[in-house]
Amino acid sequence: ITYNDLPCTLVFDKQFGENNQQQLVLREVNSKSNLIATPSGITIGDDKLKIINTYIQYTIWIIPAYENDYKSRSTTNTDVMVLGDETGNIILFHLYMNKVVSISVTYNENYD
């Protein structure tokens, strides 16, 4: 979709609610646009070290991507996940060659 000139991808999950009825639930919003930035100022083109230094007080997971039908780790693609420690919110930075190429926001509904 495009919202105020910002191209975004919405990711939905099929879930079953009460009475076993199927629901579509918004799980993630992603964009590759230079128009976006996090409240802390991370944007497309920033590097992995800037993410780590900016969110040092949060839980950070660095996750290598996989290639060849998940048979080998990518040497070029990585995801950096920043978890809101007191919320279920997650910012997911998708990196290519250690530079941000897209940003997603999502949540962990089972967060306790």
C-alpha atoms as a PDB file:
ATOM      1  CA  ILE A   1       0.000   0.000   0.000  1.00  0.00           C
ATOM      2  CA  THR A   2       0.971   3.649  -0.179  1.00  0.00           C
ATOM      3  CA  TYR A   3       0.181   5.950   2.729  1.00  0.00           C
ATOM      4  CA  ASN A   4       0.961   9.685   2.350  1.00  0.00           C
ATOM      5  CA  ASP A   5       3.505   8.883  -0.404  1.00  0.00           C
ATOM      6  CA  LEU A   6       5.116   6.198   1.787  1.00  0.00           C
ATOM      7  CA  PRO A   7       5.146   2.724   0.188  1.00  0.00           C
ATOM      8  CA  CYS A   8       4.548   0.020   2.814  1.00  0.00           C
ATOM      9  CA  THR A   9       3.967  -3.693   2.924  1.00  0.00           C
ATOM     10  CA  LEU A  10       1.368  -5.008   5.359  1.00  0.00           C
ATOM     11  CA  VAL A  11       1.768  -8.589   6.572  1.00  0.00           C
ATOM     12  CA  PHE A  12      -1.293 -10.413   7.856  1.00  0.00           C
ATOM     13  CA  ASP A  13      -1.648 -13.714   9.715  1.00  0.00           C
ATOM     14  CA  LYS A  14      -4.626 -16.017   9.606  1.00  0.00           C
ATOM     15  CA  GLN A  15      -5.631 -16.855  13.160  1.00  0.00           C
ATOM     16  CA  PHE A  16      -8.561 -18.563  14.772  1.00  0.00           C
ATOM     17  CA  GLY A  17     -10.510 -16.581  17.340  1.00  0.00           C
ATOM     18  CA  GLU A  18     -13.499 -17.338  19.489  1.00  0.00           C
ATOM     19  CA  ASN A  19     -15.795 -20.082  18.245  1.00  0.00           C
ATOM     20  CA  ASN A  20     -12.958 -21.191  15.971  1.00  0.00           C
ATOM     21  CA  GLN A  21     -13.668 -18.361  13.504  1.00  0.00           C
ATOM     22  CA  GLN A  22     -10.859 -17.389  11.175  1.00  0.00           C
ATOM     23  CA  GLN A  23      -9.533 -13.824  11.491  1.00  0.00           C
ATOM     24  CA  LEU A  24      -6.941 -11.807   9.603  1.00  0.00           C
ATOM     25  CA  VAL A  25      -4.596 -10.076  12.040  1.00  0.00           C
ATOM     26  CA  LEU A  26      -2.108  -7.367  11.080  1.00  0.00           C
ATOM     27  CA  ARG A  27       1.299  -8.716  12.154  1.00  0.00           C
ATOM     28  CA  GLU A  28       3.863  -6.413  10.549  1.00  0.00           C
ATOM     29  CA  VAL A  29       4.331  -3.172   8.629  1.00  0.00           C
ATOM     30  CA  ASN A  30       7.477  -2.908   6.481  1.00  0.00           C
ATOM     31  CA  SER A  31       8.975  -0.219   4.276  1.00  0.00           C
ATOM     32  CA  LYS A  32      12.105   0.283   2.179  1.00  0.00           C
ATOM     33  CA  SER A  33      11.477   4.010   1.759  1.00  0.00           C
ATOM     34  CA  ASN A  34      13.948   6.733   2.698  1.00  0.00           C
ATOM     35  CA  LEU A  35      10.941   8.609   4.105  1.00  0.00           C
ATOM     36  CA  ILE A  36      10.874   6.495   7.280  1.00  0.00           C
ATOM     37  CA  ALA A  37      12.957   6.687  10.432  1.00  0.00           C
ATOM     38  CA  THR A  38      12.597   5.326  13.933  1.00  0.00           C
ATOM     39  CA  PRO A  39      11.942   7.811  16.764  1.00  0.00           C
ATOM     40  CA  SER A  40      15.649   7.425  17.618  1.00  0.00           C
ATOM     41  CA  GLY A  41      16.661   8.405  14.087  1.00  0.00           C
ATOM     42  CA  ILE A  42      17.635   5.103  12.444  1.00  0.00           C
ATOM     43  CA  THR A  43      16.778   5.150   8.733  1.00  0.00           C
ATOM     44  CA  ILE A  44      17.531   3.379   5.467  1.00  0.00           C
ATOM     45  CA  GLY A  45      21.284   3.282   4.811  1.00  0.00           C
ATOM     46  CA  ASP A  46      22.389   3.354   8.458  1.00  0.00           C
ATOM     47  CA  ASP A  47      24.774   0.624   9.583  1.00  0.00           C
ATOM     48  CA  LYS A  48      24.510  -2.196  12.114  1.00  0.00           C
ATOM     49  CA  LEU A  49      26.802  -0.492  14.632  1.00  0.00           C
ATOM     50  CA  LYS A  50      24.584   2.602  14.716  1.00  0.00           C
ATOM     51  CA  ILE A  51      21.572   0.401  15.503  1.00  0.00           C
ATOM     52  CA  ILE A  52      23.431  -1.360  18.321  1.00  0.00           C
ATOM     53  CA  ASN A  53      24.737   1.885  19.820  1.00  0.00           C
ATOM     54  CA  THR A  54      21.332   3.575  19.568  1.00  0.00           C
ATOM     55  CA  TYR A  55      19.420   0.725  21.214  1.00  0.00           C
ATOM     56  CA  ILE A  56      22.117  -0.523  23.623  1.00  0.00           C
ATOM     57  CA  GLN A  57      19.651  -0.430  26.557  1.00  0.00           C
ATOM     58  CA  TYR A  58      17.268  -2.855  24.790  1.00  0.00           C
ATOM     59  CA  THR A  59      17.466  -6.547  24.025  1.00  0.00           C
ATOM     60  CA  ILE A  60      18.993  -6.904  20.564  1.00  0.00           C
ATOM     61  CA  TRP A  61      19.049 -10.078  18.476  1.00  0.00           C
ATOM     62  CA  ILE A  62      21.282 -10.289  15.407  1.00  0.00           C
ATOM     63  CA  ILE A  63      19.965 -12.989  13.132  1.00  0.00           C
ATOM     64  CA  PRO A  64      21.735 -14.185   9.989  1.00  0.00           C
ATOM     65  CA  ALA A  65      19.549 -14.777   6.970  1.00  0.00           C
ATOM     66  CA  TYR A  66      19.669 -18.124   5.194  1.00  0.00           C
ATOM     67  CA  GLU A  67      20.019 -18.904   1.499  1.00  0.00           C
ATOM     68  CA  ASN A  68      19.773 -21.931  -0.791  1.00  0.00           C
ATOM     69  CA  ASP A  69      16.478 -23.150   0.652  1.00  0.00           C
ATOM     70  CA  TYR A  70      17.744 -22.480   4.202  1.00  0.00           C
ATOM     71  CA  LYS A  71      20.804 -24.709   3.712  1.00  0.00           C
ATOM     72  CA  SER A  72      23.471 -22.046   4.260  1.00  0.00           C
ATOM     73  CA  ARG A  73      23.848 -18.785   6.160  1.00  0.00           C
ATOM     74  CA  SER A  74      23.911 -15.655   4.068  1.00  0.00           C
ATOM     75  CA  THR A  75      27.151 -13.714   4.009  1.00  0.00           C
ATOM     76  CA  THR A  76      25.353 -10.530   2.914  1.00  0.00           C
ATOM     77  CA  ASN A  77      21.911 -10.432   4.612  1.00  0.00           C
ATOM     78  CA  THR A  78      21.206 -10.046   8.331  1.00  0.00           C
ATOM     79  CA  ASP A  79      18.254  -9.009  10.478  1.00  0.00           C
ATOM     80  CA  VAL A  80      18.672  -6.979  13.667  1.00  0.00           C
ATOM     81  CA  MET A  81      15.719  -7.258  16.019  1.00  0.00           C
ATOM     82  CA  VAL A  82      15.221  -4.695  18.799  1.00  0.00           C
ATOM     83  CA  LEU A  83      12.743  -5.837  21.420  1.00  0.00           C
ATOM     84  CA  GLY A  84      10.795  -3.422  23.600  1.00  0.00           C
ATOM     85  CA  ASP A  85      11.626  -4.885  26.964  1.00  0.00           C
ATOM     86  CA  GLU A  86       8.501  -3.610  28.697  1.00  0.00           C
ATOM     87  CA  THR A  87       6.173  -3.994  25.741  1.00  0.00           C
ATOM     88  CA  GLY A  88       5.616  -6.554  23.042  1.00  0.00           C
ATOM     89  CA  ASN A  89       6.841  -4.125  20.378  1.00  0.00           C
ATOM     90  CA  ILE A  90       9.640  -5.081  18.010  1.00  0.00           C
ATOM     91  CA  ILE A  91      11.592  -3.088  15.431  1.00  0.00           C
ATOM     92  CA  LEU A  92      13.176  -5.308  12.806  1.00  0.00           C
ATOM     93  CA  PHE A  93      15.983  -3.908  10.662  1.00  0.00           C
ATOM     94  CA  HIS A  94      16.731  -5.830   7.469  1.00  0.00           C
ATOM     95  CA  LEU A  95      20.378  -5.362   6.421  1.00  0.00           C
ATOM     96  CA  TYR A  96      22.328  -6.007   3.257  1.00  0.00           C
ATOM     97  CA  MET A  97      26.127  -5.697   3.573  1.00  0.00           C
ATOM     98  CA  ASN A  98      25.562  -4.310   7.117  1.00  0.00           C
ATOM     99  CA  LYS A  99      23.398  -1.409   5.878  1.00  0.00           C
ATOM    100  CA  VAL A 100      19.662  -1.022   6.600  1.00  0.00           C
ATOM    101  CA  VAL A 101      17.592  -1.717   3.473  1.00  0.00           C
ATOM    102  CA  SER A 102      14.171  -1.936   5.122  1.00  0.00           C
ATOM    103  CA  ILE A 103      12.525  -1.489   8.505  1.00  0.00           C
ATOM    104  CA  SER A 104       9.603  -3.414   9.972  1.00  0.00           C
ATOM    105  CA  VAL A 105       7.535  -2.878  13.087  1.00  0.00           C
ATOM    106  CA  THR A 106       5.758  -5.811  14.624  1.00  0.00           C
ATOM    107  CA  TYR A 107       4.718  -7.129  18.007  1.00  0.00           C
ATOM    108  CA  ASN A 108       4.904 -10.176  20.207  1.00  0.00           C
ATOM    109  CA  GLU A 109       1.330 -10.790  21.242  1.00  0.00           C
ATOM    110  CA  ASN A 110       2.334 -13.505  23.704  1.00  0.00           C
ATOM    111  CA  TYR A 111       4.546 -11.089  25.606  1.00  0.00           C
ATOM    112  CA  ASP A 112       4.162 -11.470  29.376  1.00  0.00           C
END
